[in-house]
Amino acid sequence: MSRGDLTDGEWAVLKPLLPVSNNRCGRWRDHRQVINGIIHRLSTGVQWRELPERFGPWKTVHKRHALWSADGTWERLLQHVQAVADAAGDIDWDVNVDSTSVRAHQHAAGAPKNPPPVPPGSSKGGATKISSRARAHHPAALPGGGGAAGEALGRSRGGLTTKIHVVAEGRCRPLSLLITPGQRADCTQFEPVMDQIRVARAGLGRPRRTPDSVGADKAYSNRKIRTYLRKRGIRHVIPEKKDHKAARLRRGSRGGRPPGYDKERYKARNTVERAIGKLKQFRAVATRYDQRGYVYLGTVTAAALLIWLRS
């Protein structure tokens, strides 16, 4: 085992959850070897074809990562690790929301428009098994064929960018993730990224989807977000913008009461900044090299999974 590879304890957590051969479509190459190759690429940002030989054929590692990004395997692994942590009382449900922009390498442009891969064992005439998040980033789901916007690539003065929206729990670990084109406003993605929170219960019952409280900066300060949180019964700490405050004061009694603001709770908002810092320790996350949006989302999700396993 070399630096960065899965430890025996980490492998023991993941092994029971990985797909097994159905004896009809050939045998899977050793999952541990392939995952170690994916981790090596995550950490170094190296091209797939430059992977060391000890990880096996690079095409196998690349295709496995693309397949697991499409069918939701990375997402299920992350949700399982979160469920185990929640059962042990190891999740701080005072969450914080923020986003970060990621520069996309020029090789991330020009993605093909073919659909995500079909998992082994699916019939050719059957429906393609694609996770809901992968389907959201599939170009065919967008009017006009998708293009760069369908692959979560945005244009700016600096070039191609992608934005990662993150909800982090109080111990600086990502609870949910979402990617959009880099120019997309943070406030427009608040509800979608909050709706991605889904931590399964240890026994019977629906997954937990509601945190105890939410902290966010002024980018999320608007009436729609506050109404959304109020309807769900979630306490929140979002500072009021100066122009919003001035408009409220001009209206006098009709402007309503000022939103509540707890300075001590707002100080904990740095947990999401630290969670983003942990994600960007992986070079394949800090710079986007993946052409397909669902593959890059799988890359970020795999990085989040490692953060949870090693926290």
C-alpha atoms as a PDB file:
ATOM      1  CA  MET A   1       0.000   0.000   0.000  1.00  0.00           C
ATOM      2  CA  SER A   2       1.327   3.428  -0.934  1.00  0.00           C
ATOM      3  CA  ARG A   3       0.518   6.903   0.308  1.00  0.00           C
ATOM      4  CA  GLY A   4      -3.137   7.824  -0.282  1.00  0.00           C
ATOM      5  CA  ASP A   5      -4.431   4.277  -0.872  1.00  0.00           C
ATOM      6  CA  LEU A   6      -7.397   2.906   1.047  1.00  0.00           C
ATOM      7  CA  THR A   7      -6.514   1.559   4.472  1.00  0.00           C
ATOM      8  CA  ASP A   8      -7.858  -1.811   5.619  1.00  0.00           C
ATOM      9  CA  GLY A   9     -10.423  -0.036   7.810  1.00  0.00           C
ATOM     10  CA  GLU A  10     -11.655   2.174   4.960  1.00  0.00           C
ATOM     11  CA  TRP A  11     -11.855  -0.792   2.607  1.00  0.00           C
ATOM     12  CA  ALA A  12     -13.884  -2.755   5.188  1.00  0.00           C
ATOM     13  CA  VAL A  13     -16.501   0.049   5.132  1.00  0.00           C
ATOM     14  CA  LEU A  14     -16.778   0.209   1.334  1.00  0.00           C
ATOM     15  CA  LYS A  15     -16.392  -3.450   0.316  1.00  0.00           C
ATOM     16  CA  PRO A  16     -19.910  -4.695   1.272  1.00  0.00           C
ATOM     17  CA  LEU A  17     -21.526  -1.831  -0.676  1.00  0.00           C
ATOM     18  CA  LEU A  18     -19.764  -2.292  -4.013  1.00  0.00           C
ATOM     19  CA  PRO A  19     -21.374  -4.101  -6.981  1.00  0.00           C
ATOM     20  CA  VAL A  20     -20.560  -7.774  -7.518  1.00  0.00           C
ATOM     21  CA  SER A  21     -20.337  -9.782 -10.720  1.00  0.00           C
ATOM     22  CA  ASN A  22     -23.521 -11.412 -12.023  1.00  0.00           C
ATOM     23  CA  ASN A  23     -21.448 -14.070 -13.872  1.00  0.00           C
ATOM     24  CA  ARG A  24     -22.950 -12.982 -17.206  1.00  0.00           C
ATOM     25  CA  CYS A  25     -21.015  -9.854 -18.146  1.00  0.00           C
ATOM     26  CA  GLY A  26     -17.494 -10.827 -17.153  1.00  0.00           C
ATOM     27  CA  ARG A  27     -15.679 -10.306 -13.873  1.00  0.00           C
ATOM     28  CA  TRP A  28     -15.005  -6.949 -12.243  1.00  0.00           C
ATOM     29  CA  ARG A  29     -11.346  -6.063 -11.855  1.00  0.00           C
ATOM     30  CA  ASP A  30     -10.450  -5.840  -8.160  1.00  0.00           C
ATOM     31  CA  HIS A  31     -12.451  -2.910  -6.774  1.00  0.00           C
ATOM     32  CA  ARG A  32      -9.798  -1.924  -4.239  1.00  0.00           C
ATOM     33  CA  GLN A  33      -7.115  -1.630  -6.926  1.00  0.00           C
ATOM     34  CA  VAL A  34      -9.388   0.474  -9.130  1.00  0.00           C
ATOM     35  CA  ILE A  35     -10.521   2.770  -6.297  1.00  0.00           C
ATOM     36  CA  ASN A  36      -6.890   3.341  -5.351  1.00  0.00           C
ATOM     37  CA  GLY A  37      -6.283   4.422  -8.950  1.00  0.00           C
ATOM     38  CA  ILE A  38      -9.216   6.836  -8.761  1.00  0.00           C
ATOM     39  CA  ILE A  39      -7.861   8.237  -5.476  1.00  0.00           C
ATOM     40  CA  HIS A  40      -4.427   8.708  -7.075  1.00  0.00           C
ATOM     41  CA  ARG A  41      -5.978  10.682  -9.903  1.00  0.00           C
ATOM     42  CA  LEU A  42      -8.109  12.690  -7.445  1.00  0.00           C
ATOM     43  CA  SER A  43      -5.072  13.695  -5.419  1.00  0.00           C
ATOM     44  CA  THR A  44      -2.666  14.454  -8.265  1.00  0.00           C
ATOM     45  CA  GLY A  45      -4.928  15.536 -11.142  1.00  0.00           C
ATOM     46  CA  VAL A  46      -2.842  13.364 -13.467  1.00  0.00           C
ATOM     47  CA  GLN A  47      -4.232  12.366 -16.864  1.00  0.00           C
ATOM     48  CA  TRP A  48      -5.982   9.007 -16.814  1.00  0.00           C
ATOM     49  CA  ARG A  49      -3.551   7.498 -19.306  1.00  0.00           C
ATOM     50  CA  GLU A  50      -0.640   8.509 -17.031  1.00  0.00           C
ATOM     51  CA  LEU A  51      -1.816   6.366 -14.093  1.00  0.00           C
ATOM     52  CA  PRO A  52       0.935   4.060 -12.727  1.00  0.00           C
ATOM     53  CA  GLU A  53       0.712   0.454 -13.880  1.00  0.00           C
ATOM     54  CA  ARG A  54       0.075  -0.845 -10.365  1.00  0.00           C
ATOM     55  CA  PHE A  55      -3.539   0.366 -10.686  1.00  0.00           C
ATOM     56  CA  GLY A  56      -4.186  -1.799 -13.740  1.00  0.00           C
ATOM     57  CA  PRO A  57      -5.326  -0.631 -17.198  1.00  0.00           C
ATOM     58  CA  TRP A  58      -6.082   3.093 -17.110  1.00  0.00           C
ATOM     59  CA  LYS A  59      -9.152   2.640 -19.303  1.00  0.00           C
ATOM     60  CA  THR A  60     -10.655   0.306 -16.713  1.00  0.00           C
ATOM     61  CA  VAL A  61     -10.122   2.857 -13.928  1.00  0.00           C
ATOM     62  CA  HIS A  62     -11.553   5.674 -16.051  1.00  0.00           C
ATOM     63  CA  LYS A  63     -14.621   3.715 -17.174  1.00  0.00           C
ATOM     64  CA  ARG A  64     -15.329   2.513 -13.633  1.00  0.00           C
ATOM     65  CA  HIS A  65     -15.272   6.088 -12.341  1.00  0.00           C
ATOM     66  CA  ALA A  66     -17.552   7.294 -15.157  1.00  0.00           C
ATOM     67  CA  LEU A  67     -19.978   4.411 -14.577  1.00  0.00           C
ATOM     68  CA  TRP A  68     -20.168   4.942 -10.815  1.00  0.00           C
ATOM     69  CA  SER A  69     -20.660   8.675 -11.388  1.00  0.00           C
ATOM     70  CA  ALA A  70     -23.585   7.930 -13.725  1.00  0.00           C
ATOM     71  CA  ASP A  71     -25.399   5.233 -11.749  1.00  0.00           C
ATOM     72  CA  GLY A  72     -25.070   6.962  -8.356  1.00  0.00           C
ATOM     73  CA  THR A  73     -22.609   4.530  -6.726  1.00  0.00           C
ATOM     74  CA  TRP A  74     -20.439   7.335  -5.321  1.00  0.00           C
ATOM     75  CA  GLU A  75     -23.572   9.033  -4.003  1.00  0.00           C
ATOM     76  CA  ARG A  76     -24.794   5.853  -2.289  1.00  0.00           C
ATOM     77  CA  LEU A  77     -21.396   5.249  -0.678  1.00  0.00           C
ATOM     78  CA  LEU A  78     -21.365   8.798   0.671  1.00  0.00           C
ATOM     79  CA  GLN A  79     -24.896   8.489   2.029  1.00  0.00           C
ATOM     80  CA  HIS A  80     -24.011   5.219   3.768  1.00  0.00           C
ATOM     81  CA  VAL A  81     -20.990   6.727   5.516  1.00  0.00           C
ATOM     82  CA  GLN A  82     -23.105   9.715   6.580  1.00  0.00           C
ATOM     83  CA  ALA A  83     -25.825   7.396   7.921  1.00  0.00           C
ATOM     84  CA  VAL A  84     -23.284   5.479  10.032  1.00  0.00           C
ATOM     85  CA  ALA A  85     -21.911   8.747  11.420  1.00  0.00           C
ATOM     86  CA  ASP A  86     -25.415  10.014  12.224  1.00  0.00           C
ATOM     87  CA  ALA A  87     -26.314   6.781  14.018  1.00  0.00           C
ATOM     88  CA  ALA A  88     -23.238   7.298  16.212  1.00  0.00           C
ATOM     89  CA  GLY A  89     -24.244  10.918  16.913  1.00  0.00           C
ATOM     90  CA  ASP A  90     -21.207  12.193  15.032  1.00  0.00           C
ATOM     91  CA  ILE A  91     -22.977  14.771  12.814  1.00  0.00           C
ATOM     92  CA  ASP A  92     -23.399  18.378  13.918  1.00  0.00           C
ATOM     93  CA  TRP A  93     -26.688  19.439  12.332  1.00  0.00           C
ATOM     94  CA  ASP A  94     -25.955  23.170  12.568  1.00  0.00           C
ATOM     95  CA  VAL A  95     -25.094  23.419   8.868  1.00  0.00           C
ATOM     96  CA  ASN A  96     -23.694  26.186   6.690  1.00  0.00           C
ATOM     97  CA  VAL A  97     -24.055  26.878   2.964  1.00  0.00           C
ATOM     98  CA  ASP A  98     -21.655  28.441   0.489  1.00  0.00           C
ATOM     99  CA  SER A  99     -20.189  27.959  -2.977  1.00  0.00           C
ATOM    100  CA  THR A 100     -16.806  28.110  -4.661  1.00  0.00           C
ATOM    101  CA  SER A 101     -15.735  28.701  -8.250  1.00  0.00           C
ATOM    102  CA  VAL A 102     -13.418  26.225  -9.950  1.00  0.00           C
ATOM    103  CA  ARG A 103     -11.379  26.990 -13.035  1.00  0.00           C
ATOM    104  CA  ALA A 104     -12.013  24.468 -15.787  1.00  0.00           C
ATOM    105  CA  HIS A 105      -9.049  23.302 -17.842  1.00  0.00           C
ATOM    106  CA  GLN A 106      -9.350  23.834 -21.584  1.00  0.00           C
ATOM    107  CA  HIS A 107      -9.558  20.044 -22.018  1.00  0.00           C
ATOM    108  CA  ALA A 108     -12.848  20.101 -20.098  1.00  0.00           C
ATOM    109  CA  ALA A 109     -14.566  21.719 -23.092  1.00  0.00           C
ATOM    110  CA  GLY A 110     -15.975  19.935 -26.126  1.00  0.00           C
ATOM    111  CA  ALA A 111     -17.802  17.108 -24.378  1.00  0.00           C
ATOM    112  CA  PRO A 112     -19.560  14.543 -26.598  1.00  0.00           C
ATOM    113  CA  LYS A 113     -23.352  14.397 -26.455  1.00  0.00           C
ATOM    114  CA  ASN A 114     -23.655  10.644 -26.020  1.00  0.00           C
ATOM    115  CA  PRO A 115     -25.641   9.526 -22.942  1.00  0.00           C
ATOM    116  CA  PRO A 116     -24.025   8.242 -19.719  1.00  0.00           C
ATOM    117  CA  PRO A 117     -22.865   4.592 -19.722  1.00  0.00           C
ATOM    118  CA  VAL A 118     -25.247   1.711 -19.028  1.00  0.00           C
ATOM    119  CA  PRO A 119     -24.362  -0.402 -15.962  1.00  0.00           C
ATOM    120  CA  PRO A 120     -23.263  -3.997 -16.723  1.00  0.00           C
ATOM    121  CA  GLY A 121     -26.144  -6.442 -16.719  1.00  0.00           C
ATOM    122  CA  SER A 122     -28.700  -4.015 -18.163  1.00  0.00           C
ATOM    123  CA  SER A 123     -30.441  -5.239 -21.292  1.00  0.00           C
ATOM    124  CA  LYS A 124     -29.777  -3.302 -24.475  1.00  0.00           C
ATOM    125  CA  GLY A 125     -33.444  -2.551 -24.848  1.00  0.00           C
ATOM    126  CA  GLY A 126     -33.952  -1.716 -21.177  1.00  0.00           C
ATOM    127  CA  ALA A 127     -33.910   1.675 -19.548  1.00  0.00           C
ATOM    128  CA  THR A 128     -30.546   3.187 -18.716  1.00  0.00           C
ATOM    129  CA  LYS A 129     -29.989   3.343 -14.973  1.00  0.00           C
ATOM    130  CA  ILE A 130     -28.832   6.894 -14.309  1.00  0.00           C
ATOM    131  CA  SER A 131     -28.842   8.620 -10.934  1.00  0.00           C
ATOM    132  CA  SER A 132     -31.053  11.672 -10.494  1.00  0.00           C
ATOM    133  CA  ARG A 133     -28.059  13.959 -10.084  1.00  0.00           C
ATOM    134  CA  ALA A 134     -26.348  12.569 -13.186  1.00  0.00           C
ATOM    135  CA  ARG A 135     -29.587  13.021 -15.142  1.00  0.00           C
ATOM    136  CA  ALA A 136     -29.677  16.662 -14.027  1.00  0.00           C
ATOM    137  CA  HIS A 137     -26.301  17.201 -15.705  1.00  0.00           C
ATOM    138  CA  HIS A 138     -27.084  15.222 -18.844  1.00  0.00           C
ATOM    139  CA  PRO A 139     -27.226  17.525 -21.919  1.00  0.00           C
ATOM    140  CA  ALA A 140     -30.254  15.727 -23.347  1.00  0.00           C
ATOM    141  CA  ALA A 141     -32.278  17.013 -20.403  1.00  0.00           C
ATOM    142  CA  LEU A 142     -31.811  20.612 -21.550  1.00  0.00           C
ATOM    143  CA  PRO A 143     -33.616  22.367 -24.421  1.00  0.00           C
ATOM    144  CA  GLY A 144     -31.463  22.741 -27.490  1.00  0.00           C
ATOM    145  CA  GLY A 145     -29.121  19.819 -26.761  1.00  0.00           C
ATOM    146  CA  GLY A 146     -27.286  21.196 -23.724  1.00  0.00           C
ATOM    147  CA  GLY A 147     -23.786  22.261 -24.766  1.00  0.00           C
ATOM    148  CA  ALA A 148     -21.474  23.885 -22.228  1.00  0.00           C
ATOM    149  CA  ALA A 149     -24.334  24.905 -19.917  1.00  0.00           C
ATOM    150  CA  GLY A 150     -25.580  21.313 -19.845  1.00  0.00           C
ATOM    151  CA  GLU A 151     -22.156  20.190 -18.651  1.00  0.00           C
ATOM    152  CA  ALA A 152     -22.043  22.855 -15.889  1.00  0.00           C
ATOM    153  CA  LEU A 153     -19.464  24.977 -17.706  1.00  0.00           C
ATOM    154  CA  GLY A 154     -19.815  28.748 -17.572  1.00  0.00           C
ATOM    155  CA  ARG A 155     -18.089  31.582 -19.370  1.00  0.00           C
ATOM    156  CA  SER A 156     -16.355  34.443 -17.562  1.00  0.00           C
ATOM    157  CA  ARG A 157     -13.492  36.848 -18.175  1.00  0.00           C
ATOM    158  CA  GLY A 158     -11.117  34.248 -16.794  1.00  0.00           C
ATOM    159  CA  GLY A 159     -12.391  31.509 -19.100  1.00  0.00           C
ATOM    160  CA  LEU A 160     -14.408  28.382 -18.379  1.00  0.00           C
ATOM    161  CA  THR A 161     -15.560  27.959 -14.777  1.00  0.00           C
ATOM    162  CA  THR A 162     -17.740  25.625 -12.721  1.00  0.00           C
ATOM    163  CA  LYS A 163     -19.294  26.439  -9.368  1.00  0.00           C
ATOM    164  CA  ILE A 164     -19.598  23.893  -6.542  1.00  0.00           C
ATOM    165  CA  HIS A 165     -22.427  24.550  -4.066  1.00  0.00           C
ATOM    166  CA  VAL A 166     -21.836  22.924  -0.671  1.00  0.00           C
ATOM    167  CA  VAL A 167     -23.799  22.312   2.517  1.00  0.00           C
ATOM    168  CA  ALA A 168     -21.353  21.461   5.311  1.00  0.00           C
ATOM    169  CA  GLU A 169     -22.147  20.138   8.772  1.00  0.00           C
ATOM    170  CA  GLY A 170     -20.523  21.536  11.906  1.00  0.00           C
ATOM    171  CA  ARG A 171     -17.444  19.295  11.690  1.00  0.00           C
ATOM    172  CA  CYS A 172     -16.381  20.633   8.281  1.00  0.00           C
ATOM    173  CA  ARG A 173     -17.661  17.724   6.185  1.00  0.00           C
ATOM    174  CA  PRO A 174     -19.890  18.094   3.085  1.00  0.00           C
ATOM    175  CA  LEU A 175     -23.488  16.970   3.589  1.00  0.00           C
ATOM    176  CA  SER A 176     -24.664  17.705   0.042  1.00  0.00           C
ATOM    177  CA  LEU A 177     -23.134  18.921  -3.214  1.00  0.00           C
ATOM    178  CA  LEU A 178     -24.303  20.506  -6.434  1.00  0.00           C
ATOM    179  CA  ILE A 179     -22.468  21.851  -9.484  1.00  0.00           C
ATOM    180  CA  THR A 180     -23.584  24.600 -11.876  1.00  0.00           C
ATOM    181  CA  PRO A 181     -22.007  26.865 -14.502  1.00  0.00           C
ATOM    182  CA  GLY A 182     -19.639  29.336 -12.864  1.00  0.00           C
ATOM    183  CA  GLN A 183     -21.790  32.432 -13.465  1.00  0.00           C
ATOM    184  CA  ARG A 184     -24.864  31.008 -11.707  1.00  0.00           C
ATOM    185  CA  ALA A 185     -25.910  33.093  -8.669  1.00  0.00           C
ATOM    186  CA  ASP A 186     -25.556  31.436  -5.260  1.00  0.00           C
ATOM    187  CA  CYS A 187     -29.068  32.307  -4.084  1.00  0.00           C
ATOM    188  CA  THR A 188     -30.730  30.514  -7.017  1.00  0.00           C
ATOM    189  CA  GLN A 189     -29.177  27.204  -5.948  1.00  0.00           C
ATOM    190  CA  PHE A 190     -29.931  27.409  -2.220  1.00  0.00           C
ATOM    191  CA  GLU A 191     -33.098  25.315  -2.319  1.00  0.00           C
ATOM    192  CA  PRO A 192     -31.702  22.643  -4.714  1.00  0.00           C
ATOM    193  CA  VAL A 193     -28.568  22.071  -2.631  1.00  0.00           C
ATOM    194  CA  MET A 194     -30.585  21.990   0.607  1.00  0.00           C
ATOM    195  CA  ASP A 195     -32.967  19.459  -0.949  1.00  0.00           C
ATOM    196  CA  GLN A 196     -29.975  17.201  -1.655  1.00  0.00           C
ATOM    197  CA  ILE A 197     -29.503  16.583   2.092  1.00  0.00           C
ATOM    198  CA  ARG A 198     -30.568  12.990   2.666  1.00  0.00           C
ATOM    199  CA  VAL A 199     -29.099  11.048   5.606  1.00  0.00           C
ATOM    200  CA  ALA A 200     -30.647   7.604   6.105  1.00  0.00           C
ATOM    201  CA  ARG A 201     -31.755   6.417   9.539  1.00  0.00           C
ATOM    202  CA  ALA A 202     -30.045   3.474  11.227  1.00  0.00           C
ATOM    203  CA  GLY A 203     -33.399   1.697  11.663  1.00  0.00           C
ATOM    204  CA  LEU A 204     -36.867   2.378  10.318  1.00  0.00           C
ATOM    205  CA  GLY A 205     -37.958   5.824   9.262  1.00  0.00           C
ATOM    206  CA  ARG A 206     -37.467   8.332   6.512  1.00  0.00           C
ATOM    207  CA  PRO A 207     -34.040   9.829   5.862  1.00  0.00           C
ATOM    208  CA  ARG A 208     -33.275  13.012   7.759  1.00  0.00           C
ATOM    209  CA  ARG A 209     -33.446  16.047   5.467  1.00  0.00           C
ATOM    210  CA  THR A 210     -33.884  18.939   7.907  1.00  0.00           C
ATOM    211  CA  PRO A 211     -30.951  20.464   9.815  1.00  0.00           C
ATOM    212  CA  ASP A 212     -31.258  22.203  13.183  1.00  0.00           C
ATOM    213  CA  SER A 213     -30.068  25.540  11.831  1.00  0.00           C
ATOM    214  CA  VAL A 214     -28.549  27.079   8.691  1.00  0.00           C
ATOM    215  CA  GLY A 215     -25.883  29.764   8.364  1.00  0.00           C
ATOM    216  CA  ALA A 216     -25.107  31.631   5.138  1.00  0.00           C
ATOM    217  CA  ASP A 217     -23.585  34.911   3.991  1.00  0.00           C
ATOM    218  CA  LYS A 218     -25.302  37.940   2.436  1.00  0.00           C
ATOM    219  CA  ALA A 219     -25.402  36.305  -0.999  1.00  0.00           C
ATOM    220  CA  TYR A 220     -28.332  34.236   0.322  1.00  0.00           C
ATOM    221  CA  SER A 221     -30.193  37.169   1.879  1.00  0.00           C
ATOM    222  CA  ASN A 222     -33.567  37.417   0.166  1.00  0.00           C
ATOM    223  CA  ARG A 223     -37.218  36.940   1.034  1.00  0.00           C
ATOM    224  CA  LYS A 224     -37.647  33.714  -0.934  1.00  0.00           C
ATOM    225  CA  ILE A 225     -34.889  31.888   0.981  1.00  0.00           C
ATOM    226  CA  ARG A 226     -36.105  33.130   4.361  1.00  0.00           C
ATOM    227  CA  THR A 227     -39.661  32.029   3.525  1.00  0.00           C
ATOM    228  CA  TYR A 228     -38.405  28.600   2.426  1.00  0.00           C
ATOM    229  CA  LEU A 229     -36.558  28.111   5.731  1.00  0.00           C
ATOM    230  CA  ARG A 230     -39.473  29.415   7.775  1.00  0.00           C
ATOM    231  CA  LYS A 231     -41.912  26.980   6.160  1.00  0.00           C
ATOM    232  CA  ARG A 232     -39.601  24.070   6.955  1.00  0.00           C
ATOM    233  CA  GLY A 233     -39.151  25.250  10.552  1.00  0.00           C
ATOM    234  CA  ILE A 234     -35.376  25.726  10.208  1.00  0.00           C
ATOM    235  CA  ARG A 235     -33.661  28.403  12.288  1.00  0.00           C
ATOM    236  CA  HIS A 236     -31.293  30.483  10.185  1.00  0.00           C
ATOM    237  CA  VAL A 237     -28.604  33.141  10.502  1.00  0.00           C
ATOM    238  CA  ILE A 238     -28.277  35.202   7.321  1.00  0.00           C
ATOM    239  CA  PRO A 239     -27.131  38.823   7.622  1.00  0.00           C
ATOM    240  CA  GLU A 240     -29.364  41.425   5.986  1.00  0.00           C
ATOM    241  CA  LYS A 241     -28.013  43.374   3.014  1.00  0.00           C
ATOM    242  CA  LYS A 242     -27.655  47.132   3.447  1.00  0.00           C
ATOM    243  CA  ASP A 243     -30.000  47.987   0.591  1.00  0.00           C
ATOM    244  CA  HIS A 244     -32.613  45.537   1.923  1.00  0.00           C
ATOM    245  CA  LYS A 245     -32.361  47.140   5.359  1.00  0.00           C
ATOM    246  CA  ALA A 246     -32.677  50.646   3.895  1.00  0.00           C
ATOM    247  CA  ALA A 247     -35.747  49.637   1.851  1.00  0.00           C
ATOM    248  CA  ARG A 248     -37.355  48.078   4.935  1.00  0.00           C
ATOM    249  CA  LEU A 249     -36.758  51.201   7.019  1.00  0.00           C
ATOM    250  CA  ARG A 250     -38.190  53.460   4.316  1.00  0.00           C
ATOM    251  CA  ARG A 251     -41.460  51.570   4.467  1.00  0.00           C
ATOM    252  CA  GLY A 252     -41.741  52.119   8.202  1.00  0.00           C
ATOM    253  CA  SER A 253     -44.163  49.801   9.971  1.00  0.00           C
ATOM    254  CA  ARG A 254     -45.131  48.222   6.652  1.00  0.00           C
ATOM    255  CA  GLY A 255     -41.556  47.068   6.158  1.00  0.00           C
ATOM    256  CA  GLY A 256     -41.905  44.433   8.835  1.00  0.00           C
ATOM    257  CA  ARG A 257     -39.516  43.410  11.577  1.00  0.00           C
ATOM    258  CA  PRO A 258     -35.786  42.913  10.948  1.00  0.00           C
ATOM    259  CA  PRO A 259     -34.688  39.270  10.550  1.00  0.00           C
ATOM    260  CA  GLY A 260     -33.115  37.622  13.571  1.00  0.00           C
ATOM    261  CA  TYR A 261     -29.332  37.558  13.685  1.00  0.00           C
ATOM    262  CA  ASP A 262     -27.135  35.646  16.150  1.00  0.00           C
ATOM    263  CA  LYS A 263     -23.529  36.858  15.945  1.00  0.00           C
ATOM    264  CA  GLU A 264     -22.149  33.861  17.841  1.00  0.00           C
ATOM    265  CA  ARG A 265     -23.913  31.383  15.552  1.00  0.00           C
ATOM    266  CA  TYR A 266     -22.717  33.247  12.464  1.00  0.00           C
ATOM    267  CA  LYS A 267     -19.099  32.784  13.572  1.00  0.00           C
ATOM    268  CA  ALA A 268     -19.529  29.057  12.868  1.00  0.00           C
ATOM    269  CA  ARG A 269     -20.018  29.771   9.171  1.00  0.00           C
ATOM    270  CA  ASN A 270     -16.291  29.170   8.686  1.00  0.00           C
ATOM    271  CA  THR A 271     -17.014  25.430   8.793  1.00  0.00           C
ATOM    272  CA  VAL A 272     -18.264  25.488   5.200  1.00  0.00           C
ATOM    273  CA  GLU A 273     -15.168  27.447   4.124  1.00  0.00           C
ATOM    274  CA  ARG A 274     -12.992  24.788   5.734  1.00  0.00           C
ATOM    275  CA  ALA A 275     -15.010  22.014   4.099  1.00  0.00           C
ATOM    276  CA  ILE A 276     -14.445  23.659   0.709  1.00  0.00           C
ATOM    277  CA  GLY A 277     -10.739  23.901   1.551  1.00  0.00           C
ATOM    278  CA  LYS A 278     -10.665  20.152   2.215  1.00  0.00           C
ATOM    279  CA  LEU A 279     -12.369  19.451  -1.121  1.00  0.00           C
ATOM    280  CA  LYS A 280      -9.858  21.608  -2.963  1.00  0.00           C
ATOM    281  CA  GLN A 281      -6.950  19.679  -1.472  1.00  0.00           C
ATOM    282  CA  PHE A 282      -7.795  17.206  -4.237  1.00  0.00           C
ATOM    283  CA  ARG A 283      -6.288  18.635  -7.410  1.00  0.00           C
ATOM    284  CA  ALA A 284      -8.848  17.003  -9.687  1.00  0.00           C
ATOM    285  CA  VAL A 285     -11.487  19.008  -7.766  1.00  0.00           C
ATOM    286  CA  ALA A 286      -9.572  22.309  -7.517  1.00  0.00           C
ATOM    287  CA  THR A 287      -9.162  22.291 -11.313  1.00  0.00           C
ATOM    288  CA  ARG A 288     -11.825  20.655 -13.433  1.00  0.00           C
ATOM    289  CA  TYR A 289     -10.464  18.284 -16.089  1.00  0.00           C
ATOM    290  CA  ASP A 290     -13.616  16.194 -16.650  1.00  0.00           C
ATOM    291  CA  GLN A 291     -15.607  17.024 -19.778  1.00  0.00           C
ATOM    292  CA  ARG A 292     -18.922  15.574 -18.640  1.00  0.00           C
ATOM    293  CA  GLY A 293     -20.792  17.328 -15.841  1.00  0.00           C
ATOM    294  CA  TYR A 294     -21.961  14.110 -14.159  1.00  0.00           C
ATOM    295  CA  VAL A 295     -18.375  12.768 -14.132  1.00  0.00           C
ATOM    296  CA  TYR A 296     -17.046  15.909 -12.450  1.00  0.00           C
ATOM    297  CA  LEU A 297     -19.896  15.703  -9.913  1.00  0.00           C
ATOM    298  CA  GLY A 298     -18.775  12.105  -9.275  1.00  0.00           C
ATOM    299  CA  THR A 299     -15.209  13.361  -8.794  1.00  0.00           C
ATOM    300  CA  VAL A 300     -16.342  15.883  -6.168  1.00  0.00           C
ATOM    301  CA  THR A 301     -18.565  13.273  -4.485  1.00  0.00           C
ATOM    302  CA  ALA A 302     -15.677  10.769  -4.312  1.00  0.00           C
ATOM    303  CA  ALA A 303     -13.518  13.463  -2.689  1.00  0.00           C
ATOM    304  CA  ALA A 304     -16.288  14.142  -0.139  1.00  0.00           C
ATOM    305  CA  LEU A 305     -16.499  10.399   0.562  1.00  0.00           C
ATOM    306  CA  LEU A 306     -12.772  10.296   1.371  1.00  0.00           C
ATOM    307  CA  ILE A 307     -13.151  13.300   3.687  1.00  0.00           C
ATOM    308  CA  TRP A 308     -15.857  11.448   5.625  1.00  0.00           C
ATOM    309  CA  LEU A 309     -13.876   8.185   5.734  1.00  0.00           C
ATOM    310  CA  ARG A 310     -10.742   9.935   7.007  1.00  0.00           C
ATOM    311  CA  SER A 311     -12.313  12.437   9.390  1.00  0.00           C
END
